Amino acid sequence: SATKKLKCGILGCTGSVGQRFISLLDNHPWFVIHTIGASERSSGKKYGDVVHWVLPTPIPPQAINMTIVDCTVNHFKECDFVFSALDASVAGTIEDDFAKSSIPVFSNARNHR
């Protein structure tokens, strides 16, 4: 039987760690990328237009035309959880906001290890 995939968000989607999350989640059996977030300078733009892709594999087609949003809880309310690839300099406060809003965060930053 087909099970419903969980909606995930990615914080810091344009950096190398964020790119890895996008690559690993492409065609994932349990998760679907629902929302992608980055800095204000990328917000409102298409992922394929702003990312400097560094991985050897191509950008997953599903991600190319996704619109990037700010890394604020309000934009990720429909997500079941988020993966955070944010730099440690900004991860603490942003990830705390998500946790306080009952959105689980899987973080790559050192802040909450």
N, C-alpha and C. Protein backbone atom coordinates (compact mmCIF):
# COMPACT_ATOMS: atom_id res chain seq x y z
N SER A 1 0.84 -1.19 0.00
CA SER A 1 0.00 0.00 0.00
C SER A 1 0.88 1.24 0.00
N ALA A 2 0.45 2.24 -0.71
CA ALA A 2 1.21 3.49 -0.79
C ALA A 2 1.01 4.30 0.47
N THR A 3 2.10 4.69 1.08
CA THR A 3 2.00 5.52 2.27
C THR A 3 2.30 6.96 1.90
N LYS A 4 1.71 7.85 2.65
CA LYS A 4 1.89 9.27 2.40
C LYS A 4 3.30 9.68 2.82
N LYS A 5 3.99 10.40 1.93
CA LYS A 5 5.34 10.86 2.25
C LYS A 5 5.27 12.05 3.21
N LEU A 6 6.24 12.11 4.11
CA LEU A 6 6.32 13.24 5.04
C LEU A 6 6.91 14.44 4.32
N LYS A 7 6.35 15.62 4.61
CA LYS A 7 6.83 16.86 4.00
C LYS A 7 8.00 17.40 4.82
N CYS A 8 9.11 17.62 4.15
CA CYS A 8 10.26 18.18 4.85
C CYS A 8 10.67 19.51 4.26
N GLY A 9 11.31 20.30 5.08
CA GLY A 9 11.87 21.56 4.65
C GLY A 9 13.38 21.50 4.76
N ILE A 10 14.05 22.36 4.01
CA ILE A 10 15.50 22.44 4.09
C ILE A 10 15.88 23.89 4.34
N LEU A 11 16.56 24.12 5.45
CA LEU A 11 17.06 25.45 5.80
C LEU A 11 18.50 25.54 5.32
N GLY A 12 18.86 26.63 4.65
CA GLY A 12 20.22 26.77 4.14
C GLY A 12 20.43 25.94 2.89
N CYS A 13 19.44 25.96 2.01
CA CYS A 13 19.42 25.06 0.85
C CYS A 13 20.48 25.36 -0.22
N THR A 14 21.04 26.56 -0.24
CA THR A 14 21.96 26.90 -1.33
C THR A 14 23.41 26.55 -1.06
N GLY A 15 23.78 26.33 0.20
CA GLY A 15 25.15 25.97 0.53
C GLY A 15 25.45 24.51 0.20
N SER A 16 26.69 24.11 0.37
CA SER A 16 27.08 22.74 -0.01
C SER A 16 26.35 21.68 0.81
N VAL A 17 26.13 21.93 2.10
CA VAL A 17 25.39 20.95 2.92
C VAL A 17 23.92 20.91 2.50
N GLY A 18 23.35 22.07 2.25
CA GLY A 18 21.96 22.13 1.77
C GLY A 18 21.80 21.42 0.44
N GLN A 19 22.78 21.57 -0.43
CA GLN A 19 22.75 20.87 -1.72
C GLN A 19 22.77 19.36 -1.50
N ARG A 20 23.56 18.92 -0.55
CA ARG A 20 23.63 17.49 -0.25
C ARG A 20 22.27 16.99 0.25
N PHE A 21 21.61 17.76 1.12
CA PHE A 21 20.28 17.38 1.57
C PHE A 21 19.34 17.24 0.37
N ILE A 22 19.35 18.22 -0.52
CA ILE A 22 18.47 18.19 -1.69
C ILE A 22 18.77 16.97 -2.56
N SER A 23 20.05 16.69 -2.74
CA SER A 23 20.45 15.53 -3.54
C SER A 23 19.99 14.21 -2.90
N LEU A 24 20.21 14.07 -1.59
CA LEU A 24 19.85 12.84 -0.89
C LEU A 24 18.34 12.63 -0.80
N LEU A 25 17.59 13.71 -0.77
CA LEU A 25 16.14 13.61 -0.62
C LEU A 25 15.41 13.46 -1.95
N ASP A 26 16.13 13.59 -3.05
CA ASP A 26 15.52 13.45 -4.37
C ASP A 26 15.01 12.01 -4.53
N ASN A 27 13.73 11.88 -4.84
CA ASN A 27 13.09 10.57 -5.00
C ASN A 27 13.19 9.69 -3.76
N HIS A 28 13.21 10.31 -2.59
CA HIS A 28 13.27 9.55 -1.34
C HIS A 28 11.96 8.78 -1.13
N PRO A 29 12.04 7.56 -0.62
CA PRO A 29 10.80 6.78 -0.46
C PRO A 29 9.87 7.28 0.66
N TRP A 30 10.39 8.02 1.64
CA TRP A 30 9.57 8.44 2.78
C TRP A 30 9.32 9.94 2.86
N PHE A 31 10.20 10.74 2.25
CA PHE A 31 10.13 12.20 2.40
C PHE A 31 10.01 12.89 1.05
N VAL A 32 9.32 14.02 1.06
CA VAL A 32 9.25 14.87 -0.12
C VAL A 32 9.68 16.27 0.30
N ILE A 33 10.50 16.91 -0.52
CA ILE A 33 10.92 18.29 -0.22
C ILE A 33 9.74 19.20 -0.49
N HIS A 34 9.28 19.85 0.56
CA HIS A 34 8.09 20.71 0.45
C HIS A 34 8.46 22.19 0.39
N THR A 35 9.44 22.60 1.19
CA THR A 35 9.82 24.02 1.29
C THR A 35 11.33 24.11 1.43
N ILE A 36 11.92 25.09 0.72
CA ILE A 36 13.36 25.32 0.83
C ILE A 36 13.61 26.76 1.24
N GLY A 37 14.55 26.95 2.16
CA GLY A 37 14.83 28.28 2.67
C GLY A 37 16.30 28.61 2.62
N ALA A 38 16.57 29.91 2.50
CA ALA A 38 17.94 30.41 2.48
C ALA A 38 17.92 31.86 2.96
N SER A 39 19.00 32.56 2.71
CA SER A 39 19.12 33.95 3.18
C SER A 39 18.16 34.87 2.42
N GLU A 40 18.01 36.07 2.95
CA GLU A 40 17.11 37.05 2.32
C GLU A 40 17.50 37.36 0.88
N ARG A 41 18.79 37.32 0.57
CA ARG A 41 19.20 37.67 -0.80
C ARG A 41 18.76 36.63 -1.82
N SER A 42 18.48 35.40 -1.37
CA SER A 42 18.00 34.34 -2.28
C SER A 42 16.48 34.19 -2.23
N SER A 43 15.87 34.69 -1.18
CA SER A 43 14.43 34.54 -0.98
C SER A 43 13.64 35.13 -2.14
N GLY A 44 12.64 34.37 -2.59
CA GLY A 44 11.78 34.81 -3.68
C GLY A 44 12.29 34.41 -5.05
N LYS A 45 13.47 33.84 -5.11
CA LYS A 45 14.07 33.44 -6.38
C LYS A 45 13.98 31.92 -6.57
N LYS A 46 14.09 31.49 -7.81
CA LYS A 46 14.09 30.06 -8.13
C LYS A 46 15.43 29.45 -7.73
N TYR A 47 15.38 28.24 -7.18
CA TYR A 47 16.58 27.57 -6.71
C TYR A 47 17.64 27.47 -7.81
N GLY A 48 17.25 27.04 -8.99
CA GLY A 48 18.18 26.86 -10.09
C GLY A 48 18.85 28.15 -10.55
N ASP A 49 18.21 29.29 -10.25
CA ASP A 49 18.76 30.58 -10.66
C ASP A 49 19.82 31.11 -9.71
N VAL A 50 19.81 30.64 -8.46
CA VAL A 50 20.73 31.22 -7.48
C VAL A 50 21.79 30.26 -6.94
N VAL A 51 21.53 28.96 -7.02
CA VAL A 51 22.47 28.01 -6.42
C VAL A 51 23.72 27.86 -7.29
N HIS A 52 24.88 27.82 -6.63
CA HIS A 52 26.13 27.48 -7.31
C HIS A 52 26.38 26.01 -6.98
N TRP A 53 25.81 25.14 -7.80
CA TRP A 53 25.80 23.69 -7.54
C TRP A 53 27.21 23.15 -7.58
N VAL A 54 27.63 22.48 -6.49
CA VAL A 54 29.00 21.97 -6.38
C VAL A 54 29.09 20.44 -6.42
N LEU A 55 27.96 19.78 -6.41
CA LEU A 55 27.98 18.31 -6.41
C LEU A 55 28.20 17.77 -7.81
N PRO A 56 28.75 16.55 -7.91
CA PRO A 56 29.02 15.97 -9.23
C PRO A 56 27.76 15.52 -9.97
N THR A 57 26.67 15.32 -9.23
CA THR A 57 25.40 14.94 -9.85
C THR A 57 24.62 16.21 -10.22
N PRO A 58 23.74 16.12 -11.21
CA PRO A 58 22.96 17.31 -11.58
C PRO A 58 21.97 17.74 -10.49
N ILE A 59 21.53 18.98 -10.55
CA ILE A 59 20.49 19.45 -9.63
C ILE A 59 19.23 18.63 -9.89
N PRO A 60 18.63 18.05 -8.86
CA PRO A 60 17.40 17.29 -9.07
C PRO A 60 16.32 18.16 -9.72
N PRO A 61 15.67 17.66 -10.75
CA PRO A 61 14.66 18.45 -11.47
C PRO A 61 13.58 19.02 -10.57
N GLN A 62 13.21 18.27 -9.53
CA GLN A 62 12.16 18.73 -8.62
C GLN A 62 12.57 20.04 -7.93
N ALA A 63 13.87 20.24 -7.70
CA ALA A 63 14.33 21.41 -6.95
C ALA A 63 14.58 22.64 -7.81
N ILE A 64 14.90 22.45 -9.07
CA ILE A 64 15.33 23.57 -9.92
C ILE A 64 14.35 24.75 -9.90
N ASN A 65 13.07 24.46 -10.00
CA ASN A 65 12.08 25.54 -10.10
C ASN A 65 11.38 25.86 -8.78
N MET A 66 11.86 25.28 -7.68
CA MET A 66 11.27 25.62 -6.38
C MET A 66 11.67 27.04 -6.00
N THR A 67 10.74 27.77 -5.41
CA THR A 67 11.02 29.13 -4.95
C THR A 67 11.56 29.08 -3.53
N ILE A 68 12.66 29.78 -3.32
CA ILE A 68 13.29 29.86 -2.01
C ILE A 68 12.54 30.86 -1.15
N VAL A 69 12.38 30.53 0.13
CA VAL A 69 11.74 31.43 1.09
C VAL A 69 12.73 31.76 2.21
N ASP A 70 12.37 32.75 3.03
CA ASP A 70 13.18 33.07 4.22
C ASP A 70 13.11 31.89 5.19
N CYS A 71 14.13 31.75 6.00
CA CYS A 71 14.18 30.67 7.00
C CYS A 71 13.43 31.06 8.26
N THR A 72 12.14 31.34 8.09
CA THR A 72 11.28 31.67 9.23
C THR A 72 10.20 30.60 9.34
N VAL A 73 9.78 30.33 10.56
CA VAL A 73 8.81 29.29 10.85
C VAL A 73 7.55 29.43 9.99
N ASN A 74 7.11 30.65 9.81
CA ASN A 74 5.87 30.91 9.09
C ASN A 74 5.83 30.24 7.71
N HIS A 75 6.96 30.20 7.02
CA HIS A 75 7.02 29.63 5.67
C HIS A 75 7.06 28.09 5.69
N PHE A 76 7.31 27.50 6.84
CA PHE A 76 7.51 26.05 6.93
C PHE A 76 6.41 25.35 7.74
N LYS A 77 5.30 26.02 8.00
CA LYS A 77 4.24 25.49 8.85
C LYS A 77 3.67 24.16 8.34
N GLU A 78 3.68 23.94 7.03
CA GLU A 78 3.12 22.70 6.47
C GLU A 78 4.11 21.54 6.50
N CYS A 79 5.35 21.81 6.91
CA CYS A 79 6.37 20.76 6.95
C CYS A 79 6.23 19.92 8.22
N ASP A 80 6.47 18.63 8.07
CA ASP A 80 6.46 17.74 9.23
C ASP A 80 7.73 17.90 10.05
N PHE A 81 8.82 18.30 9.39
CA PHE A 81 10.10 18.55 10.04
C PHE A 81 11.01 19.27 9.05
N VAL A 82 12.15 19.76 9.54
CA VAL A 82 13.12 20.40 8.66
C VAL A 82 14.51 19.83 8.87
N PHE A 83 15.28 19.83 7.79
CA PHE A 83 16.71 19.56 7.86
C PHE A 83 17.39 20.92 7.80
N SER A 84 18.31 21.17 8.71
CA SER A 84 18.99 22.45 8.74
C SER A 84 20.44 22.30 8.31
N ALA A 85 20.79 23.07 7.28
CA ALA A 85 22.17 23.16 6.79
C ALA A 85 22.70 24.56 7.03
N LEU A 86 22.09 25.24 8.01
CA LEU A 86 22.49 26.62 8.30
C LEU A 86 23.87 26.68 8.93
N ASP A 87 24.56 27.76 8.66
CA ASP A 87 25.86 28.02 9.29
C ASP A 87 25.63 28.23 10.79
N ALA A 88 26.58 27.78 11.58
CA ALA A 88 26.46 27.89 13.04
C ALA A 88 26.23 29.33 13.51
N SER A 89 26.70 30.30 12.74
CA SER A 89 26.55 31.70 13.14
C SER A 89 25.09 32.15 13.19
N VAL A 90 24.22 31.48 12.44
CA VAL A 90 22.80 31.85 12.43
C VAL A 90 21.88 30.71 12.87
N ALA A 91 22.40 29.50 12.93
CA ALA A 91 21.57 28.33 13.18
C ALA A 91 20.89 28.36 14.55
N GLY A 92 21.58 28.80 15.59
CA GLY A 92 21.05 28.74 16.94
C GLY A 92 19.68 29.35 17.09
N THR A 93 19.54 30.60 16.78
CA THR A 93 18.28 31.31 16.94
C THR A 93 17.20 30.77 16.03
N ILE A 94 17.54 30.55 14.77
CA ILE A 94 16.54 30.08 13.80
C ILE A 94 16.04 28.69 14.17
N GLU A 95 16.96 27.79 14.49
CA GLU A 95 16.56 26.43 14.86
C GLU A 95 15.75 26.42 16.15
N ASP A 96 16.09 27.29 17.09
CA ASP A 96 15.30 27.41 18.33
C ASP A 96 13.86 27.80 18.01
N ASP A 97 13.69 28.76 17.08
CA ASP A 97 12.35 29.20 16.71
C ASP A 97 11.52 28.04 16.16
N PHE A 98 12.15 27.21 15.35
CA PHE A 98 11.43 26.05 14.79
C PHE A 98 11.06 25.07 15.90
N ALA A 99 12.00 24.76 16.76
CA ALA A 99 11.74 23.81 17.85
C ALA A 99 10.62 24.33 18.76
N LYS A 100 10.63 25.62 19.07
CA LYS A 100 9.58 26.21 19.92
C LYS A 100 8.22 26.16 19.25
N SER A 101 8.21 26.08 17.92
CA SER A 101 6.96 26.00 17.16
C SER A 101 6.56 24.55 16.86
N SER A 102 7.21 23.61 17.55
CA SER A 102 6.93 22.18 17.41
C SER A 102 7.20 21.63 16.02
N ILE A 103 8.18 22.22 15.34
CA ILE A 103 8.64 21.67 14.07
C ILE A 103 10.02 21.05 14.35
N PRO A 104 10.11 19.71 14.32
CA PRO A 104 11.39 19.07 14.61
C PRO A 104 12.49 19.51 13.63
N VAL A 105 13.70 19.65 14.17
CA VAL A 105 14.85 20.10 13.39
C VAL A 105 15.96 19.05 13.45
N PHE A 106 16.42 18.63 12.29
CA PHE A 106 17.61 17.79 12.19
C PHE A 106 18.71 18.70 11.68
N SER A 107 19.68 19.00 12.54
CA SER A 107 20.64 20.02 12.23
C SER A 107 22.04 19.47 11.96
N ASN A 108 22.72 20.15 11.05
CA ASN A 108 24.12 19.84 10.77
C ASN A 108 25.04 20.80 11.53
N ALA A 109 24.46 21.82 12.16
CA ALA A 109 25.27 22.83 12.88
C ALA A 109 25.70 22.31 14.25
N ARG A 110 26.75 22.86 14.77
CA ARG A 110 27.28 22.41 16.08
C ARG A 110 26.45 22.95 17.25
N ASN A 111 25.60 23.93 17.03
CA ASN A 111 24.92 24.64 18.10
C ASN A 111 24.14 23.75 19.07
N HIS A 112 23.50 22.72 18.58
CA HIS A 112 22.63 21.91 19.44
C HIS A 112 23.09 20.46 19.56
N ARG A 113 24.36 20.25 19.39
CA ARG A 113 24.87 18.87 19.52
C ARG A 113 25.00 18.50 20.98
